[in-house]
Amino acid sequence: MIVHVRLHTTLRKETPQGIIDRVDLELERGATLADVLARLEIRPRGGSVLMAVNGNLVKADHVLNDGDQVRLVPSVSGGQTEGKRG
């Protein structure tokens, strides 16, 4: 099966293949998002990855189907907490 993967922001630079924005991956039936991360060798620095399939947020154990649209976005942390204004 083929899934269509789009990498956002810093994840574009996290793959050993160099900077990539979109890639079509051929995977075995029953493959999960964890398999996609492993195939692309994505290990985001300092955080986790938000994963969406066909517009729905899912977890790494989500089983993919042929033609699925996968988006991988590094989660963002930081910002200002209420009451901590300078």
PDB file of N, CA and C in Angstrom:
ATOM      1  N   MET A   1       0.846  -1.175   0.000  1.00  0.00           N
ATOM      2  CA  MET A   1       0.000   0.000   0.000  1.00  0.00           C
ATOM      3  C   MET A   1       0.889   1.235   0.000  1.00  0.00           C
ATOM      4  N   ILE A   2       0.320   2.328  -0.464  1.00  0.00           N
ATOM      5  CA  ILE A   2       1.031   3.607  -0.521  1.00  0.00           C
ATOM      6  C   ILE A   2       0.348   4.604   0.416  1.00  0.00           C
ATOM      7  N   VAL A   3       1.149   5.277   1.250  1.00  0.00           N
ATOM      8  CA  VAL A   3       0.635   6.383   2.057  1.00  0.00           C
ATOM      9  C   VAL A   3       1.416   7.637   1.684  1.00  0.00           C
ATOM     10  N   HIS A   4       0.748   8.766   1.777  1.00  0.00           N
ATOM     11  CA  HIS A   4       1.324  10.060   1.393  1.00  0.00           C
ATOM     12  C   HIS A   4       1.644  10.820   2.668  1.00  0.00           C
ATOM     13  N   VAL A   5       2.924  11.150   2.844  1.00  0.00           N
ATOM     14  CA  VAL A   5       3.387  11.765   4.088  1.00  0.00           C
ATOM     15  C   VAL A   5       3.850  13.187   3.815  1.00  0.00           C
ATOM     16  N   ARG A   6       3.405  14.086   4.677  1.00  0.00           N
ATOM     17  CA  ARG A   6       3.865  15.477   4.613  1.00  0.00           C
ATOM     18  C   ARG A   6       4.534  15.809   5.928  1.00  0.00           C
ATOM     19  N   LEU A   7       5.749  16.327   5.842  1.00  0.00           N
ATOM     20  CA  LEU A   7       6.517  16.724   7.023  1.00  0.00           C
ATOM     21  C   LEU A   7       6.449  18.239   7.182  1.00  0.00           C
ATOM     22  N   HIS A   8       6.245  18.682   8.406  1.00  0.00           N
ATOM     23  CA  HIS A   8       6.119  20.110   8.677  1.00  0.00           C
ATOM     24  C   HIS A   8       7.307  20.636   9.466  1.00  0.00           C
ATOM     25  N   THR A   9       7.600  21.885   9.250  1.00  0.00           N
ATOM     26  CA  THR A   9       8.629  22.690   9.925  1.00  0.00           C
ATOM     27  C   THR A   9       9.936  21.924  10.104  1.00  0.00           C
ATOM     28  N   THR A  10      10.416  21.807  11.337  1.00  0.00           N
ATOM     29  CA  THR A  10      11.748  21.247  11.565  1.00  0.00           C
ATOM     30  C   THR A  10      11.859  19.775  11.206  1.00  0.00           C
ATOM     31  N   LEU A  11      10.764  19.056  11.129  1.00  0.00           N
ATOM     32  CA  LEU A  11      10.845  17.635  10.761  1.00  0.00           C
ATOM     33  C   LEU A  11      11.365  17.450   9.344  1.00  0.00           C
ATOM     34  N   ARG A  12      11.231  18.459   8.521  1.00  0.00           N
ATOM     35  CA  ARG A  12      11.745  18.367   7.151  1.00  0.00           C
ATOM     36  C   ARG A  12      13.243  18.104   7.134  1.00  0.00           C
ATOM     37  N   LYS A  13      13.937  18.552   8.175  1.00  0.00           N
ATOM     38  CA  LYS A  13      15.390  18.407   8.242  1.00  0.00           C
ATOM     39  C   LYS A  13      15.821  17.223   9.103  1.00  0.00           C
ATOM     40  N   GLU A  14      14.878  16.504   9.702  1.00  0.00           N
ATOM     41  CA  GLU A  14      15.198  15.455  10.652  1.00  0.00           C
ATOM     42  C   GLU A  14      15.467  14.103   9.997  1.00  0.00           C
ATOM     43  N   THR A  15      15.288  13.975   8.698  1.00  0.00           N
ATOM     44  CA  THR A  15      15.459  12.682   8.048  1.00  0.00           C
ATOM     45  C   THR A  15      16.876  12.540   7.492  1.00  0.00           C
ATOM     46  N   PRO A  16      17.400  11.319   7.467  1.00  0.00           N
ATOM     47  CA  PRO A  16      18.722  11.105   6.891  1.00  0.00           C
ATOM     48  C   PRO A  16      18.750  11.364   5.387  1.00  0.00           C
ATOM     49  N   GLN A  17      17.579  11.394   4.771  1.00  0.00           N
ATOM     50  CA  GLN A  17      17.496  11.634   3.331  1.00  0.00           C
ATOM     51  C   GLN A  17      17.720  13.096   2.985  1.00  0.00           C
ATOM     52  N   GLY A  18      17.858  13.935   3.986  1.00  0.00           N
ATOM     53  CA  GLY A  18      18.018  15.363   3.738  1.00  0.00           C
ATOM     54  C   GLY A  18      16.696  16.073   3.934  1.00  0.00           C
ATOM     55  N   ILE A  19      16.593  17.260   3.416  1.00  0.00           N
ATOM     56  CA  ILE A  19      15.375  18.047   3.587  1.00  0.00           C
ATOM     57  C   ILE A  19      14.308  17.543   2.630  1.00  0.00           C
ATOM     58  N   ILE A  20      13.218  17.047   3.203  1.00  0.00           N
ATOM     59  CA  ILE A  20      12.091  16.604   2.382  1.00  0.00           C
ATOM     60  C   ILE A  20      10.813  17.201   2.950  1.00  0.00           C
ATOM     61  N   ASP A  21       9.893  17.495   2.069  1.00  0.00           N
ATOM     62  CA  ASP A  21       8.615  18.075   2.436  1.00  0.00           C
ATOM     63  C   ASP A  21       7.511  17.024   2.363  1.00  0.00           C
ATOM     64  N   ARG A  22       7.509  16.276   1.280  1.00  0.00           N
ATOM     65  CA  ARG A  22       6.488  15.251   1.054  1.00  0.00           C
ATOM     66  C   ARG A  22       7.148  14.009   0.499  1.00  0.00           C
ATOM     67  N   VAL A  23       6.575  12.874   0.876  1.00  0.00           N
ATOM     68  CA  VAL A  23       7.098  11.608   0.360  1.00  0.00           C
ATOM     69  C   VAL A  23       5.963  10.585   0.331  1.00  0.00           C
ATOM     70  N   ASP A  24       5.956   9.772  -0.685  1.00  0.00           N
ATOM     71  CA  ASP A  24       5.028   8.649  -0.761  1.00  0.00           C
ATOM     72  C   ASP A  24       5.794   7.413  -0.321  1.00  0.00           C
ATOM     73  N   LEU A  25       5.244   6.698   0.656  1.00  0.00           N
ATOM     74  CA  LEU A  25       5.906   5.506   1.173  1.00  0.00           C
ATOM     75  C   LEU A  25       5.105   4.264   0.828  1.00  0.00           C
ATOM     76  N   GLU A  26       5.806   3.239   0.390  1.00  0.00           N
ATOM     77  CA  GLU A  26       5.170   1.948   0.181  1.00  0.00           C
ATOM     78  C   GLU A  26       5.393   1.127   1.447  1.00  0.00           C
ATOM     79  N   LEU A  27       4.295   0.696   2.052  1.00  0.00           N
ATOM     80  CA  LEU A  27       4.345  -0.030   3.318  1.00  0.00           C
ATOM     81  C   LEU A  27       3.556  -1.331   3.206  1.00  0.00           C
ATOM     82  N   GLU A  28       3.860  -2.255   4.082  1.00  0.00           N
ATOM     83  CA  GLU A  28       3.097  -3.498   4.162  1.00  0.00           C
ATOM     84  C   GLU A  28       1.723  -3.214   4.758  1.00  0.00           C
ATOM     85  N   ARG A  29       0.743  -3.991   4.374  1.00  0.00           N
ATOM     86  CA  ARG A  29      -0.580  -3.862   5.000  1.00  0.00           C
ATOM     87  C   ARG A  29      -0.437  -4.072   6.506  1.00  0.00           C
ATOM     88  N   GLY A  30      -1.188  -3.312   7.280  1.00  0.00           N
ATOM     89  CA  GLY A  30      -1.103  -3.400   8.733  1.00  0.00           C
ATOM     90  C   GLY A  30      -0.054  -2.477   9.336  1.00  0.00           C
ATOM     91  N   ALA A  31       0.649  -1.707   8.493  1.00  0.00           N
ATOM     92  CA  ALA A  31       1.667  -0.784   8.998  1.00  0.00           C
ATOM     93  C   ALA A  31       1.013   0.322   9.821  1.00  0.00           C
ATOM     94  N   THR A  32       1.777   0.854  10.768  1.00  0.00           N
ATOM     95  CA  THR A  32       1.291   1.918  11.647  1.00  0.00           C
ATOM     96  C   THR A  32       2.110   3.191  11.438  1.00  0.00           C
ATOM     97  N   LEU A  33       1.686   4.243  12.120  1.00  0.00           N
ATOM     98  CA  LEU A  33       2.456   5.483  12.073  1.00  0.00           C
ATOM     99  C   LEU A  33       3.847   5.294  12.685  1.00  0.00           C
ATOM    100  N   ALA A  34       3.975   4.404  13.641  1.00  0.00           N
ATOM    101  CA  ALA A  34       5.299   4.113  14.197  1.00  0.00           C
ATOM    102  C   ALA A  34       6.215   3.576  13.105  1.00  0.00           C
ATOM    103  N   ASP A  35       5.653   2.791  12.187  1.00  0.00           N
ATOM    104  CA  ASP A  35       6.447   2.277  11.063  1.00  0.00           C
ATOM    105  C   ASP A  35       6.900   3.406  10.143  1.00  0.00           C
ATOM    106  N   VAL A  36       6.041   4.402   9.955  1.00  0.00           N
ATOM    107  CA  VAL A  36       6.398   5.558   9.126  1.00  0.00           C
ATOM    108  C   VAL A  36       7.556   6.315   9.762  1.00  0.00           C
ATOM    109  N   LEU A  37       7.461   6.576  11.072  1.00  0.00           N
ATOM    110  CA  LEU A  37       8.540   7.278  11.771  1.00  0.00           C
ATOM    111  C   LEU A  37       9.849   6.498  11.684  1.00  0.00           C
ATOM    112  N   ALA A  38       9.764   5.184  11.840  1.00  0.00           N
ATOM    113  CA  ALA A  38      10.972   4.357  11.757  1.00  0.00           C
ATOM    114  C   ALA A  38      11.553   4.386  10.348  1.00  0.00           C
ATOM    115  N   ARG A  39      10.706   4.279   9.340  1.00  0.00           N
ATOM    116  CA  ARG A  39      11.185   4.271   7.954  1.00  0.00           C
ATOM    117  C   ARG A  39      11.879   5.576   7.616  1.00  0.00           C
ATOM    118  N   LEU A  40      11.314   6.694   8.085  1.00  0.00           N
ATOM    119  CA  LEU A  40      11.908   8.001   7.809  1.00  0.00           C
ATOM    120  C   LEU A  40      13.020   8.350   8.799  1.00  0.00           C
ATOM    121  N   GLU A  41      13.204   7.489   9.792  1.00  0.00           N
ATOM    122  CA  GLU A  41      14.216   7.695  10.834  1.00  0.00           C
ATOM    123  C   GLU A  41      14.052   9.046  11.512  1.00  0.00           C
ATOM    124  N   ILE A  42      12.811   9.367  11.843  1.00  0.00           N
ATOM    125  CA  ILE A  42      12.513  10.640  12.496  1.00  0.00           C
ATOM    126  C   ILE A  42      12.605  10.462  14.000  1.00  0.00           C
ATOM    127  N   ARG A  43      13.495  11.226  14.599  1.00  0.00           N
ATOM    128  CA  ARG A  43      13.661  11.287  16.046  1.00  0.00           C
ATOM    129  C   ARG A  43      13.728  12.769  16.399  1.00  0.00           C
ATOM    130  N   PRO A  44      12.587  13.401  16.596  1.00  0.00           N
ATOM    131  CA  PRO A  44      12.594  14.852  16.797  1.00  0.00           C
ATOM    132  C   PRO A  44      13.387  15.262  18.030  1.00  0.00           C
ATOM    133  N   ARG A  45      14.133  16.329  17.884  1.00  0.00           N
ATOM    134  CA  ARG A  45      14.927  16.852  18.995  1.00  0.00           C
ATOM    135  C   ARG A  45      14.007  17.493  20.026  1.00  0.00           C
ATOM    136  N   GLY A  46      14.126  17.053  21.261  1.00  0.00           N
ATOM    137  CA  GLY A  46      13.455  17.713  22.372  1.00  0.00           C
ATOM    138  C   GLY A  46      11.946  17.659  22.371  1.00  0.00           C
ATOM    139  N   GLY A  47      11.344  16.697  21.753  1.00  0.00           N
ATOM    140  CA  GLY A  47       9.895  16.660  21.818  1.00  0.00           C
ATOM    141  C   GLY A  47       9.279  15.503  21.084  1.00  0.00           C
ATOM    142  N   SER A  48       7.989  15.559  21.017  1.00  0.00           N
ATOM    143  CA  SER A  48       7.248  14.505  20.351  1.00  0.00           C
ATOM    144  C   SER A  48       6.712  15.028  19.018  1.00  0.00           C
ATOM    145  N   VAL A  49       5.977  14.171  18.348  1.00  0.00           N
ATOM    146  CA  VAL A  49       5.433  14.517  17.042  1.00  0.00           C
ATOM    147  C   VAL A  49       3.917  14.396  17.094  1.00  0.00           C
ATOM    148  N   LEU A  50       3.237  15.430  16.621  1.00  0.00           N
ATOM    149  CA  LEU A  50       1.793  15.334  16.429  1.00  0.00           C
ATOM    150  C   LEU A  50       1.565  14.628  15.104  1.00  0.00           C
ATOM    151  N   MET A  51       0.672  13.653  15.109  1.00  0.00           N
ATOM    152  CA  MET A  51       0.427  12.849  13.912  1.00  0.00           C
ATOM    153  C   MET A  51      -1.037  12.921  13.544  1.00  0.00           C
ATOM    154  N   ALA A  52      -1.289  13.196  12.273  1.00  0.00           N
ATOM    155  CA  ALA A  52      -2.658  13.239  11.783  1.00  0.00           C
ATOM    156  C   ALA A  52      -2.766  12.349  10.550  1.00  0.00           C
ATOM    157  N   VAL A  53      -3.874  11.637  10.474  1.00  0.00           N
ATOM    158  CA  VAL A  53      -4.174  10.825   9.296  1.00  0.00           C
ATOM    159  C   VAL A  53      -5.520  11.286   8.772  1.00  0.00           C
ATOM    160  N   ASN A  54      -5.525  11.713   7.524  1.00  0.00           N
ATOM    161  CA  ASN A  54      -6.740  12.208   6.883  1.00  0.00           C
ATOM    162  C   ASN A  54      -7.429  13.280   7.727  1.00  0.00           C
ATOM    163  N   GLY A  55      -6.611  14.130   8.365  1.00  0.00           N
ATOM    164  CA  GLY A  55      -7.132  15.263   9.121  1.00  0.00           C
ATOM    165  C   GLY A  55      -7.490  14.978  10.566  1.00  0.00           C
ATOM    166  N   ASN A  56      -7.291  13.747  11.038  1.00  0.00           N
ATOM    167  CA  ASN A  56      -7.626  13.388  12.415  1.00  0.00           C
ATOM    168  C   ASN A  56      -6.367  13.075  13.200  1.00  0.00           C
ATOM    169  N   LEU A  57      -6.236  13.691  14.397  1.00  0.00           N
ATOM    170  CA  LEU A  57      -5.089  13.397  15.250  1.00  0.00           C
ATOM    171  C   LEU A  57      -5.184  11.957  15.739  1.00  0.00           C
ATOM    172  N   VAL A  58      -4.073  11.247  15.634  1.00  0.00           N
ATOM    173  CA  VAL A  58      -4.039   9.837  16.034  1.00  0.00           C
ATOM    174  C   VAL A  58      -2.713   9.563  16.754  1.00  0.00           C
ATOM    175  N   LYS A  59      -2.591   8.357  17.291  1.00  0.00           N
ATOM    176  CA  LYS A  59      -1.368   7.948  17.980  1.00  0.00           C
ATOM    177  C   LYS A  59      -0.520   7.066  17.079  1.00  0.00           C
ATOM    178  N   ALA A  60       0.690   6.776  17.530  1.00  0.00           N
ATOM    179  CA  ALA A  60       1.660   6.041  16.725  1.00  0.00           C
ATOM    180  C   ALA A  60       1.209   4.625  16.382  1.00  0.00           C
ATOM    181  N   ASP A  61       0.292   4.056  17.169  1.00  0.00           N
ATOM    182  CA  ASP A  61      -0.168   2.692  16.887  1.00  0.00           C
ATOM    183  C   ASP A  61      -1.332   2.639  15.897  1.00  0.00           C
ATOM    184  N   HIS A  62      -1.691   3.798  15.332  1.00  0.00           N
ATOM    185  CA  HIS A  62      -2.786   3.861  14.353  1.00  0.00           C
ATOM    186  C   HIS A  62      -2.412   3.056  13.101  1.00  0.00           C
ATOM    187  N   VAL A  63      -3.283   2.141  12.711  1.00  0.00           N
ATOM    188  CA  VAL A  63      -3.048   1.322  11.517  1.00  0.00           C
ATOM    189  C   VAL A  63      -3.453   2.114  10.279  1.00  0.00           C
ATOM    190  N   LEU A  64      -2.558   2.139   9.309  1.00  0.00           N
ATOM    191  CA  LEU A  64      -2.770   2.917   8.084  1.00  0.00           C
ATOM    192  C   LEU A  64      -3.462   2.096   7.001  1.00  0.00           C
ATOM    193  N   ASN A  65      -4.094   2.815   6.079  1.00  0.00           N
ATOM    194  CA  ASN A  65      -4.740   2.213   4.922  1.00  0.00           C
ATOM    195  C   ASN A  65      -4.161   2.804   3.648  1.00  0.00           C
ATOM    196  N   ASP A  66      -4.305   2.083   2.571  1.00  0.00           N
ATOM    197  CA  ASP A  66      -3.815   2.549   1.272  1.00  0.00           C
ATOM    198  C   ASP A  66      -4.400   3.921   0.953  1.00  0.00           C
ATOM    199  N   GLY A  67      -3.542   4.849   0.553  1.00  0.00           N
ATOM    200  CA  GLY A  67      -3.972   6.183   0.152  1.00  0.00           C
ATOM    201  C   GLY A  67      -4.110   7.182   1.277  1.00  0.00           C
ATOM    202  N   ASP A  68      -3.847   6.767   2.526  1.00  0.00           N
ATOM    203  CA  ASP A  68      -3.967   7.696   3.652  1.00  0.00           C
ATOM    204  C   ASP A  68      -3.033   8.893   3.474  1.00  0.00           C
ATOM    205  N   GLN A  69      -3.514  10.038   3.948  1.00  0.00           N
ATOM    206  CA  GLN A  69      -2.741  11.280   3.960  1.00  0.00           C
ATOM    207  C   GLN A  69      -2.236  11.478   5.386  1.00  0.00           C
ATOM    208  N   VAL A  70      -0.920  11.419   5.560  1.00  0.00           N
ATOM    209  CA  VAL A  70      -0.300  11.523   6.878  1.00  0.00           C
ATOM    210  C   VAL A  70       0.402  12.866   6.987  1.00  0.00           C
ATOM    211  N   ARG A  71       0.192  13.545   8.119  1.00  0.00           N
ATOM    212  CA  ARG A  71       0.906  14.781   8.403  1.00  0.00           C
ATOM    213  C   ARG A  71       1.639  14.612   9.722  1.00  0.00           C
ATOM    214  N   LEU A  72       2.914  14.969   9.711  1.00  0.00           N
ATOM    215  CA  LEU A  72       3.739  14.890  10.906  1.00  0.00           C
ATOM    216  C   LEU A  72       4.215  16.288  11.259  1.00  0.00           C
ATOM    217  N   VAL A  73       3.903  16.713  12.481  1.00  0.00           N
ATOM    218  CA  VAL A  73       4.206  18.068  12.934  1.00  0.00           C
ATOM    219  C   VAL A  73       4.908  17.973  14.286  1.00  0.00           C
ATOM    220  N   PRO A  74       6.062  18.620  14.443  1.00  0.00           N
ATOM    221  CA  PRO A  74       6.694  18.590  15.765  1.00  0.00           C
ATOM    222  C   PRO A  74       5.835  19.350  16.764  1.00  0.00           C
ATOM    223  N   SER A  75       5.662  18.760  17.945  1.00  0.00           N
ATOM    224  CA  SER A  75       4.883  19.473  18.956  1.00  0.00           C
ATOM    225  C   SER A  75       5.701  20.642  19.463  1.00  0.00           C
ATOM    226  N   VAL A  76       5.023  21.679  19.894  1.00  0.00           N
ATOM    227  CA  VAL A  76       5.674  22.901  20.317  1.00  0.00           C
ATOM    228  C   VAL A  76       5.441  23.068  21.807  1.00  0.00           C
ATOM    229  N   SER A  77       6.473  23.467  22.509  1.00  0.00           N
ATOM    230  CA  SER A  77       6.320  23.767  23.917  1.00  0.00           C
ATOM    231  C   SER A  77       6.889  25.151  24.176  1.00  0.00           C
ATOM    232  N   GLY A  78       6.617  25.640  25.344  1.00  0.00           N
ATOM    233  CA  GLY A  78       7.135  26.955  25.695  1.00  0.00           C
ATOM    234  C   GLY A  78       6.014  27.954  25.745  1.00  0.00           C
ATOM    235  N   GLY A  79       6.389  29.202  25.678  1.00  0.00           N
ATOM    236  CA  GLY A  79       5.381  30.249  25.778  1.00  0.00           C
ATOM    237  C   GLY A  79       5.305  30.768  27.196  1.00  0.00           C
ATOM    238  N   GLN A  80       4.346  31.627  27.408  1.00  0.00           N
ATOM    239  CA  GLN A  80       4.239  32.289  28.701  1.00  0.00           C
ATOM    240  C   GLN A  80       3.080  31.694  29.467  1.00  0.00           C
ATOM    241  N   THR A  81       3.306  31.374  30.718  1.00  0.00           N
ATOM    242  CA  THR A  81       2.277  30.854  31.597  1.00  0.00           C
ATOM    243  C   THR A  81       1.583  32.011  32.278  1.00  0.00           C
ATOM    244  N   GLU A  82       0.263  31.905  32.448  1.00  0.00           N
ATOM    245  CA  GLU A  82      -0.517  32.944  33.118  1.00  0.00           C
ATOM    246  C   GLU A  82       0.120  33.265  34.469  1.00  0.00           C
ATOM    247  N   GLY A  83       0.243  34.515  34.790  1.00  0.00           N
ATOM    248  CA  GLY A  83       0.807  34.946  36.049  1.00  0.00           C
ATOM    249  C   GLY A  83       2.324  35.089  36.032  1.00  0.00           C
ATOM    250  N   LYS A  84       2.961  34.752  34.939  1.00  0.00           N
ATOM    251  CA  LYS A  84       4.426  34.836  34.838  1.00  0.00           C
ATOM    252  C   LYS A  84       4.827  35.957  33.891  1.00  0.00           C
ATOM    253  N   ARG A  85       4.087  37.007  33.870  1.00  0.00           N
ATOM    254  CA  ARG A  85       4.385  38.110  32.953  1.00  0.00           C
ATOM    255  C   ARG A  85       5.481  38.985  33.525  1.00  0.00           C
ATOM    256  N   GLY A  86       6.324  39.428  32.623  1.00  0.00           N
ATOM    257  CA  GLY A  86       7.476  40.186  33.037  1.00  0.00           C
ATOM    258  C   GLY A  86       7.221  41.590  33.251  1.00  0.00           C
TER     259      GLY A  86
END
